[in-house]
Structures are given as C-alpha cells and as structure tokens.
PDB file of N, CA and C in Angstrom:
ATOM      1  N   MET A   1      11.709  22.210  -0.676  1.00  0.00           N
ATOM      2  CA  MET A   1      10.773  21.111  -0.592  1.00  0.00           C
ATOM      3  C   MET A   1      10.104  21.141   0.778  1.00  0.00           C
ATOM      4  N   PRO A   2       8.769  21.071   0.836  1.00  0.00           N
ATOM      5  CA  PRO A   2       8.081  21.123   2.120  1.00  0.00           C
ATOM      6  C   PRO A   2       8.419  19.894   2.966  1.00  0.00           C
ATOM      7  N   ARG A   3       8.537  20.121   4.237  1.00  0.00           N
ATOM      8  CA  ARG A   3       8.855  19.036   5.162  1.00  0.00           C
ATOM      9  C   ARG A   3       7.602  18.199   5.436  1.00  0.00           C
ATOM     10  N   ARG A   4       7.771  16.884   5.404  1.00  0.00           N
ATOM     11  CA  ARG A   4       6.641  15.988   5.659  1.00  0.00           C
ATOM     12  C   ARG A   4       6.379  15.875   7.150  1.00  0.00           C
ATOM     13  N   ARG A   5       5.113  15.813   7.494  1.00  0.00           N
ATOM     14  CA  ARG A   5       4.723  15.588   8.876  1.00  0.00           C
ATOM     15  C   ARG A   5       4.925  14.114   9.196  1.00  0.00           C
ATOM     16  N   ARG A   6       5.501  13.841  10.332  1.00  0.00           N
ATOM     17  CA  ARG A   6       5.755  12.453  10.739  1.00  0.00           C
ATOM     18  C   ARG A   6       4.449  11.795  11.167  1.00  0.00           C
ATOM     19  N   ASP A   7       4.213  10.608  10.674  1.00  0.00           N
ATOM     20  CA  ASP A   7       3.034   9.831  11.015  1.00  0.00           C
ATOM     21  C   ASP A   7       3.521   8.619  11.806  1.00  0.00           C
ATOM     22  N   ASP A   8       3.506   8.724  13.129  1.00  0.00           N
ATOM     23  CA  ASP A   8       4.058   7.664  13.980  1.00  0.00           C
ATOM     24  C   ASP A   8       3.328   6.338  13.821  1.00  0.00           C
ATOM     25  N   ALA A   9       2.024   6.370  13.623  1.00  0.00           N
ATOM     26  CA  ALA A   9       1.274   5.119  13.446  1.00  0.00           C
ATOM     27  C   ALA A   9       1.711   4.414  12.167  1.00  0.00           C
ATOM     28  N   PHE A  10       1.896   5.179  11.093  1.00  0.00           N
ATOM     29  CA  PHE A  10       2.375   4.602   9.839  1.00  0.00           C
ATOM     30  C   PHE A  10       3.784   4.053  10.013  1.00  0.00           C
ATOM     31  N   GLU A  11       4.660   4.828  10.650  1.00  0.00           N
ATOM     32  CA  GLU A  11       6.033   4.382  10.865  1.00  0.00           C
ATOM     33  C   GLU A  11       6.064   3.064  11.632  1.00  0.00           C
ATOM     34  N   GLN A  12       5.220   2.926  12.634  1.00  0.00           N
ATOM     35  CA  GLN A  12       5.178   1.690  13.416  1.00  0.00           C
ATOM     36  C   GLN A  12       4.688   0.519  12.563  1.00  0.00           C
ATOM     37  N   ARG A  13       3.613   0.717  11.772  1.00  0.00           N
ATOM     38  CA  ARG A  13       3.128  -0.351  10.885  1.00  0.00           C
ATOM     39  C   ARG A  13       4.205  -0.723   9.874  1.00  0.00           C
ATOM     40  N   LEU A  14       4.872   0.289   9.346  1.00  0.00           N
ATOM     41  CA  LEU A  14       5.917   0.067   8.351  1.00  0.00           C
ATOM     42  C   LEU A  14       7.019  -0.818   8.928  1.00  0.00           C
ATOM     43  N   GLU A  15       7.510  -0.473  10.094  1.00  0.00           N
ATOM     44  CA  GLU A  15       8.620  -1.203  10.702  1.00  0.00           C
ATOM     45  C   GLU A  15       8.215  -2.546  11.293  1.00  0.00           C
ATOM     46  N   MET A  16       7.001  -2.658  11.834  1.00  0.00           N
ATOM     47  CA  MET A  16       6.609  -3.860  12.557  1.00  0.00           C
ATOM     48  C   MET A  16       5.782  -4.851  11.723  1.00  0.00           C
ATOM     49  N   GLU A  17       5.138  -4.380  10.649  1.00  0.00           N
ATOM     50  CA  GLU A  17       4.268  -5.261   9.871  1.00  0.00           C
ATOM     51  C   GLU A  17       4.645  -5.376   8.404  1.00  0.00           C
ATOM     52  N   ILE A  18       5.103  -4.279   7.812  1.00  0.00           N
ATOM     53  CA  ILE A  18       5.235  -4.247   6.353  1.00  0.00           C
ATOM     54  C   ILE A  18       6.629  -4.657   5.888  1.00  0.00           C
ATOM     55  N   ILE A  19       7.655  -3.951   6.334  1.00  0.00           N
ATOM     56  CA  ILE A  19       9.013  -4.233   5.852  1.00  0.00           C
ATOM     57  C   ILE A  19       9.918  -4.693   6.992  1.00  0.00           C
ATOM     58  N   VAL A  20       9.416  -5.531   7.846  1.00  0.00           N
ATOM     59  CA  VAL A  20      10.163  -6.029   8.998  1.00  0.00           C
ATOM     60  C   VAL A  20      11.499  -6.615   8.549  1.00  0.00           C
ATOM     61  N   ASP A  21      12.596  -6.024   9.014  1.00  0.00           N
ATOM     62  CA  ASP A  21      13.955  -6.511   8.735  1.00  0.00           C
ATOM     63  C   ASP A  21      14.237  -6.737   7.253  1.00  0.00           C
ATOM     64  N   ALA A  22      13.574  -6.009   6.372  1.00  0.00           N
ATOM     65  CA  ALA A  22      13.762  -6.214   4.934  1.00  0.00           C
ATOM     66  C   ALA A  22      14.874  -5.318   4.396  1.00  0.00           C
ATOM     67  N   LYS A  23      15.696  -5.893   3.551  1.00  0.00           N
ATOM     68  CA  LYS A  23      16.678  -5.114   2.796  1.00  0.00           C
ATOM     69  C   LYS A  23      15.897  -4.358   1.724  1.00  0.00           C
ATOM     70  N   PRO A  24      16.467  -3.281   1.163  1.00  0.00           N
ATOM     71  CA  PRO A  24      15.726  -2.523   0.143  1.00  0.00           C
ATOM     72  C   PRO A  24      15.165  -3.381  -0.986  1.00  0.00           C
ATOM     73  N   GLU A  25      15.934  -4.349  -1.457  1.00  0.00           N
ATOM     74  CA  GLU A  25      15.455  -5.184  -2.563  1.00  0.00           C
ATOM     75  C   GLU A  25      14.384  -6.181  -2.118  1.00  0.00           C
ATOM     76  N   GLU A  26      14.159  -6.311  -0.811  1.00  0.00           N
ATOM     77  CA  GLU A  26      13.156  -7.233  -0.293  1.00  0.00           C
ATOM     78  C   GLU A  26      11.875  -6.528   0.149  1.00  0.00           C
ATOM     79  N   GLN A  27      11.847  -5.216   0.115  1.00  0.00           N
ATOM     80  CA  GLN A  27      10.711  -4.476   0.656  1.00  0.00           C
ATOM     81  C   GLN A  27       9.425  -4.716  -0.113  1.00  0.00           C
ATOM     82  N   SER A  28       9.507  -4.930  -1.416  1.00  0.00           N
ATOM     83  CA  SER A  28       8.274  -5.151  -2.182  1.00  0.00           C
ATOM     84  C   SER A  28       7.569  -6.428  -1.738  1.00  0.00           C
ATOM     85  N   ILE A  29       8.324  -7.440  -1.330  1.00  0.00           N
ATOM     86  CA  ILE A  29       7.679  -8.680  -0.874  1.00  0.00           C
ATOM     87  C   ILE A  29       6.956  -8.448   0.452  1.00  0.00           C
ATOM     88  N   GLY A  30       7.485  -7.538   1.277  1.00  0.00           N
ATOM     89  CA  GLY A  30       6.780  -7.173   2.510  1.00  0.00           C
ATOM     90  C   GLY A  30       5.434  -6.540   2.200  1.00  0.00           C
ATOM     91  N   TRP A  31       5.431  -5.653   1.210  1.00  0.00           N
ATOM     92  CA  TRP A  31       4.166  -5.043   0.786  1.00  0.00           C
ATOM     93  C   TRP A  31       3.236  -6.109   0.198  1.00  0.00           C
ATOM     94  N   TYR A  32       3.798  -7.046  -0.532  1.00  0.00           N
ATOM     95  CA  TYR A  32       2.996  -8.135  -1.099  1.00  0.00           C
ATOM     96  C   TYR A  32       2.211  -8.850  -0.003  1.00  0.00           C
ATOM     97  N   HIS A  33       2.895  -9.197   1.073  1.00  0.00           N
ATOM     98  CA  HIS A  33       2.224  -9.916   2.156  1.00  0.00           C
ATOM     99  C   HIS A  33       1.276  -9.007   2.937  1.00  0.00           C
ATOM    100  N   TYR A  34       1.657  -7.754   3.128  1.00  0.00           N
ATOM    101  CA  TYR A  34       0.806  -6.819   3.866  1.00  0.00           C
ATOM    102  C   TYR A  34      -0.491  -6.544   3.114  1.00  0.00           C
ATOM    103  N   LEU A  35      -0.377  -6.340   1.810  1.00  0.00           N
ATOM    104  CA  LEU A  35      -1.553  -5.992   1.002  1.00  0.00           C
ATOM    105  C   LEU A  35      -2.254  -7.210   0.409  1.00  0.00           C
ATOM    106  N   GLU A  36      -1.584  -8.355   0.424  1.00  0.00           N
ATOM    107  CA  GLU A  36      -2.133  -9.594  -0.121  1.00  0.00           C
ATOM    108  C   GLU A  36      -2.504  -9.457  -1.592  1.00  0.00           C
ATOM    109  N   VAL A  37      -1.607  -8.841  -2.366  1.00  0.00           N
ATOM    110  CA  VAL A  37      -1.789  -8.703  -3.828  1.00  0.00           C
ATOM    111  C   VAL A  37      -0.498  -9.099  -4.541  1.00  0.00           C
ATOM    112  N   CYS A  38      -0.304  -8.676  -5.796  1.00  0.00           N
ATOM    113  CA  CYS A  38       0.819  -9.141  -6.613  1.00  0.00           C
ATOM    114  C   CYS A  38       2.179  -8.639  -6.117  1.00  0.00           C
ATOM    115  N   GLU A  39       3.279  -9.194  -6.682  1.00  0.00           N
ATOM    116  CA  GLU A  39       4.622  -8.896  -6.209  1.00  0.00           C
ATOM    117  C   GLU A  39       5.241  -7.641  -6.813  1.00  0.00           C
ATOM    118  N   HIS A  40       4.712  -7.106  -7.874  1.00  0.00           N
ATOM    119  CA  HIS A  40       5.324  -5.938  -8.505  1.00  0.00           C
ATOM    120  C   HIS A  40       4.420  -4.739  -8.260  1.00  0.00           C
ATOM    121  N   GLU A  41       4.060  -4.013  -9.299  1.00  0.00           N
ATOM    122  CA  GLU A  41       3.118  -2.921  -9.078  1.00  0.00           C
ATOM    123  C   GLU A  41       1.847  -3.524  -8.501  1.00  0.00           C
ATOM    124  N   MET A  42       1.305  -2.884  -7.488  1.00  0.00           N
ATOM    125  CA  MET A  42       0.168  -3.453  -6.786  1.00  0.00           C
ATOM    126  C   MET A  42      -1.127  -3.187  -7.542  1.00  0.00           C
ATOM    127  N   PHE A  43      -1.773  -4.254  -7.959  1.00  0.00           N
ATOM    128  CA  PHE A  43      -3.075  -4.185  -8.608  1.00  0.00           C
ATOM    129  C   PHE A  43      -4.106  -4.814  -7.688  1.00  0.00           C
ATOM    130  N   VAL A  44      -5.291  -4.274  -7.707  1.00  0.00           N
ATOM    131  CA  VAL A  44      -6.392  -4.860  -6.954  1.00  0.00           C
ATOM    132  C   VAL A  44      -7.574  -5.046  -7.893  1.00  0.00           C
ATOM    133  N   ASN A  45      -8.381  -6.020  -7.589  1.00  0.00           N
ATOM    134  CA  ASN A  45      -9.586  -6.266  -8.385  1.00  0.00           C
ATOM    135  C   ASN A  45     -10.728  -5.438  -7.821  1.00  0.00           C
ATOM    136  N   ILE A  46     -11.410  -4.743  -8.704  1.00  0.00           N
ATOM    137  CA  ILE A  46     -12.596  -3.981  -8.316  1.00  0.00           C
ATOM    138  C   ILE A  46     -13.755  -4.414  -9.194  1.00  0.00           C
ATOM    139  N   GLY A  47     -14.957  -4.269  -8.687  1.00  0.00           N
ATOM    140  CA  GLY A  47     -16.140  -4.555  -9.489  1.00  0.00           C
ATOM    141  C   GLY A  47     -16.440  -3.374 -10.396  1.00  0.00           C
ATOM    142  N   TRP A  48     -16.655  -3.649 -11.667  1.00  0.00           N
ATOM    143  CA  TRP A  48     -16.977  -2.601 -12.633  1.00  0.00           C
ATOM    144  C   TRP A  48     -17.857  -3.196 -13.721  1.00  0.00           C
ATOM    145  N   GLN A  49     -19.033  -2.663 -13.891  1.00  0.00           N
ATOM    146  CA  GLN A  49     -20.001  -3.121 -14.885  1.00  0.00           C
ATOM    147  C   GLN A  49     -20.168  -4.641 -14.851  1.00  0.00           C
ATOM    148  N   GLU A  50     -20.404  -5.156 -13.660  1.00  0.00           N
ATOM    149  CA  GLU A  50     -20.648  -6.576 -13.430  1.00  0.00           C
ATOM    150  C   GLU A  50     -19.477  -7.475 -13.803  1.00  0.00           C
ATOM    151  N   ARG A  51     -18.251  -6.903 -13.815  1.00  0.00           N
ATOM    152  CA  ARG A  51     -17.037  -7.667 -14.085  1.00  0.00           C
ATOM    153  C   ARG A  51     -15.976  -7.270 -13.074  1.00  0.00           C
ATOM    154  N   LEU A  52     -14.890  -8.025 -13.037  1.00  0.00           N
ATOM    155  CA  LEU A  52     -13.736  -7.647 -12.230  1.00  0.00           C
ATOM    156  C   LEU A  52     -12.730  -6.933 -13.121  1.00  0.00           C
ATOM    157  N   LEU A  53     -12.172  -5.866 -12.602  1.00  0.00           N
ATOM    158  CA  LEU A  53     -11.187  -5.072 -13.323  1.00  0.00           C
ATOM    159  C   LEU A  53      -9.978  -4.903 -12.418  1.00  0.00           C
ATOM    160  N   ALA A  54      -8.774  -5.205 -12.919  1.00  0.00           N
ATOM    161  CA  ALA A  54      -7.545  -5.008 -12.152  1.00  0.00           C
ATOM    162  C   ALA A  54      -7.076  -3.571 -12.352  1.00  0.00           C
ATOM    163  N   VAL A  55      -6.901  -2.856 -11.243  1.00  0.00           N
ATOM    164  CA  VAL A  55      -6.545  -1.439 -11.271  1.00  0.00           C
ATOM    165  C   VAL A  55      -5.328  -1.218 -10.378  1.00  0.00           C
ATOM    166  N   PRO A  56      -4.368  -0.368 -10.796  1.00  0.00           N
ATOM    167  CA  PRO A  56      -3.239  -0.071  -9.923  1.00  0.00           C
ATOM    168  C   PRO A  56      -3.729   0.544  -8.605  1.00  0.00           C
ATOM    169  N   LEU A  57      -3.240   0.023  -7.504  1.00  0.00           N
ATOM    170  CA  LEU A  57      -3.659   0.481  -6.183  1.00  0.00           C
ATOM    171  C   LEU A  57      -3.419   1.973  -5.997  1.00  0.00           C
ATOM    172  N   ILE A  58      -2.347   2.486  -6.557  1.00  0.00           N
ATOM    173  CA  ILE A  58      -2.015   3.900  -6.380  1.00  0.00           C
ATOM    174  C   ILE A  58      -3.092   4.816  -6.960  1.00  0.00           C
ATOM    175  N   GLN A  59      -3.927   4.300  -7.865  1.00  0.00           N
ATOM    176  CA  GLN A  59      -4.976   5.104  -8.479  1.00  0.00           C
ATOM    177  C   GLN A  59      -6.293   5.062  -7.705  1.00  0.00           C
ATOM    178  N   LEU A  60      -6.342   4.295  -6.629  1.00  0.00           N
ATOM    179  CA  LEU A  60      -7.603   4.085  -5.929  1.00  0.00           C
ATOM    180  C   LEU A  60      -7.726   4.868  -4.636  1.00  0.00           C
ATOM    181  N   VAL A  61      -8.957   5.183  -4.331  1.00  0.00           N
ATOM    182  CA  VAL A  61      -9.357   5.702  -3.031  1.00  0.00           C
ATOM    183  C   VAL A  61     -10.481   4.777  -2.580  1.00  0.00           C
ATOM    184  N   GLY A  62     -10.420   4.309  -1.356  1.00  0.00           N
ATOM    185  CA  GLY A  62     -11.434   3.366  -0.885  1.00  0.00           C
ATOM    186  C   GLY A  62     -12.801   4.018  -0.725  1.00  0.00           C
ATOM    187  N   VAL A  63     -13.819   3.358  -1.230  1.00  0.00           N
ATOM    188  CA  VAL A  63     -15.196   3.796  -1.073  1.00  0.00           C
ATOM    189  C   VAL A  63     -15.977   2.610  -0.510  1.00  0.00           C
ATOM    190  N   ALA A  64     -16.622   2.806   0.592  1.00  0.00           N
ATOM    191  CA  ALA A  64     -17.398   1.747   1.241  1.00  0.00           C
ATOM    192  C   ALA A  64     -16.544   0.512   1.508  1.00  0.00           C
ATOM    193  N   VAL A  65     -15.335   0.731   2.053  1.00  0.00           N
ATOM    194  CA  VAL A  65     -14.441  -0.371   2.417  1.00  0.00           C
ATOM    195  C   VAL A  65     -14.249  -0.380   3.930  1.00  0.00           C
ATOM    196  N   ASP A  66     -13.807  -1.512   4.455  1.00  0.00           N
ATOM    197  CA  ASP A  66     -13.603  -1.600   5.897  1.00  0.00           C
ATOM    198  C   ASP A  66     -12.340  -0.833   6.322  1.00  0.00           C
ATOM    199  N   GLY A  67     -12.164  -0.696   7.609  1.00  0.00           N
ATOM    200  CA  GLY A  67     -11.050   0.079   8.147  1.00  0.00           C
ATOM    201  C   GLY A  67      -9.691  -0.481   7.782  1.00  0.00           C
ATOM    202  N   GLU A  68      -9.572  -1.795   7.770  1.00  0.00           N
ATOM    203  CA  GLU A  68      -8.302  -2.426   7.422  1.00  0.00           C
ATOM    204  C   GLU A  68      -7.922  -2.135   5.971  1.00  0.00           C
ATOM    205  N   THR A  69      -8.889  -2.181   5.080  1.00  0.00           N
ATOM    206  CA  THR A  69      -8.638  -1.884   3.671  1.00  0.00           C
ATOM    207  C   THR A  69      -8.287  -0.415   3.488  1.00  0.00           C
ATOM    208  N   THR A  70      -9.020   0.457   4.163  1.00  0.00           N
ATOM    209  CA  THR A  70      -8.720   1.890   4.102  1.00  0.00           C
ATOM    210  C   THR A  70      -7.296   2.149   4.544  1.00  0.00           C
ATOM    211  N   GLN A  71      -6.879   1.532   5.645  1.00  0.00           N
ATOM    212  CA  GLN A  71      -5.529   1.724   6.163  1.00  0.00           C
ATOM    213  C   GLN A  71      -4.481   1.216   5.183  1.00  0.00           C
ATOM    214  N   ALA A  72      -4.708   0.069   4.576  1.00  0.00           N
ATOM    215  CA  ALA A  72      -3.765  -0.489   3.608  1.00  0.00           C
ATOM    216  C   ALA A  72      -3.613   0.427   2.397  1.00  0.00           C
ATOM    217  N   ILE A  73      -4.711   0.984   1.904  1.00  0.00           N
ATOM    218  CA  ILE A  73      -4.660   1.910   0.772  1.00  0.00           C
ATOM    219  C   ILE A  73      -3.869   3.154   1.152  1.00  0.00           C
ATOM    220  N   GLN A  74      -4.172   3.725   2.299  1.00  0.00           N
ATOM    221  CA  GLN A  74      -3.464   4.926   2.750  1.00  0.00           C
ATOM    222  C   GLN A  74      -1.975   4.660   2.942  1.00  0.00           C
ATOM    223  N   ASP A  75      -1.639   3.520   3.527  1.00  0.00           N
ATOM    224  CA  ASP A  75      -0.232   3.184   3.750  1.00  0.00           C
ATOM    225  C   ASP A  75       0.518   3.040   2.432  1.00  0.00           C
ATOM    226  N   SER A  76      -0.090   2.374   1.457  1.00  0.00           N
ATOM    227  CA  SER A  76       0.584   2.193   0.172  1.00  0.00           C
ATOM    228  C   SER A  76       0.786   3.531  -0.531  1.00  0.00           C
ATOM    229  N   HIS A  77      -0.197   4.428  -0.447  1.00  0.00           N
ATOM    230  CA  HIS A  77      -0.060   5.751  -1.059  1.00  0.00           C
ATOM    231  C   HIS A  77       1.056   6.533  -0.383  1.00  0.00           C
ATOM    232  N   LYS A  78       1.117   6.464   0.935  1.00  0.00           N
ATOM    233  CA  LYS A  78       2.145   7.193   1.667  1.00  0.00           C
ATOM    234  C   LYS A  78       3.537   6.684   1.291  1.00  0.00           C
ATOM    235  N   TRP A  79       3.687   5.380   1.135  1.00  0.00           N
ATOM    236  CA  TRP A  79       4.965   4.776   0.756  1.00  0.00           C
ATOM    237  C   TRP A  79       5.410   5.304  -0.615  1.00  0.00           C
ATOM    238  N   VAL A  80       4.502   5.328  -1.568  1.00  0.00           N
ATOM    239  CA  VAL A  80       4.829   5.806  -2.921  1.00  0.00           C
ATOM    240  C   VAL A  80       5.113   7.301  -2.900  1.00  0.00           C
ATOM    241  N   GLU A  81       4.355   8.077  -2.122  1.00  0.00           N
ATOM    242  CA  GLU A  81       4.592   9.525  -2.007  1.00  0.00           C
ATOM    243  C   GLU A  81       5.978   9.819  -1.479  1.00  0.00           C
ATOM    244  N   ARG A  82       6.533   8.926  -0.697  1.00  0.00           N
ATOM    245  CA  ARG A  82       7.896   9.097  -0.150  1.00  0.00           C
ATOM    246  C   ARG A  82       8.958   8.722  -1.159  1.00  0.00           C
ATOM    247  N   GLY A  83       8.537   8.347  -2.358  1.00  0.00           N
ATOM    248  CA  GLY A  83       9.494   8.070  -3.426  1.00  0.00           C
ATOM    249  C   GLY A  83       9.889   6.620  -3.574  1.00  0.00           C
ATOM    250  N   HIS A  84       9.223   5.717  -2.879  1.00  0.00           N
ATOM    251  CA  HIS A  84       9.530   4.290  -2.983  1.00  0.00           C
ATOM    252  C   HIS A  84       8.638   3.648  -4.023  1.00  0.00           C
ATOM    253  N   LEU A  85       9.028   2.473  -4.446  1.00  0.00           N
ATOM    254  CA  LEU A  85       8.222   1.692  -5.377  1.00  0.00           C
ATOM    255  C   LEU A  85       7.637   0.506  -4.642  1.00  0.00           C
ATOM    256  N   LEU A  86       6.462   0.086  -5.048  1.00  0.00           N
ATOM    257  CA  LEU A  86       5.871  -1.128  -4.494  1.00  0.00           C
ATOM    258  C   LEU A  86       6.317  -2.305  -5.328  1.00  0.00           C
TER     259      LEU A  86
END
C-alpha cells in the first residue's frame, strides 16, 4: 500500500477545529459542526435546473466556491480517503 504524504495543515485543522477531543463515536458530530450540514452522510444542497438538489459531499468538487468551502470539501474527502466515515 502506498504511503500517504502527511498534510500538516489538514492535521492541524482536524485536531484543532474538526474533531477536538472527540471519541471515535463522536467524530461525526465534529464534522457536522465544521461543515454545517447533516449528522450522518454529509449532503449539501446544490443548484440544478433552477432547483435545489441534495448531493453527497464525497461526490462533489467545488466549482466557483470560496476558499473556505474549497477547504471544507478537500478536508472531508481526505478524511474519507483515510478510511473514516462522516
């Protein structure tokens, strides 16, 4: 299995903002507050054909989004890539 490159900025956000002092069973609530979306699988609302559509966050790549949103999307993808669940 290829070794993952350490992302110190992500590790710091993870420890200081996302899962601060969380037990494994409490980590999803940390993501809930960090991403400001639902408590289980993370869904976000996107505009599609003049309507709102709820889409799993793991399926999205940010297009024309601000830096904070881009970072949140990247962080959630990295968390799932490491084998965790949101």
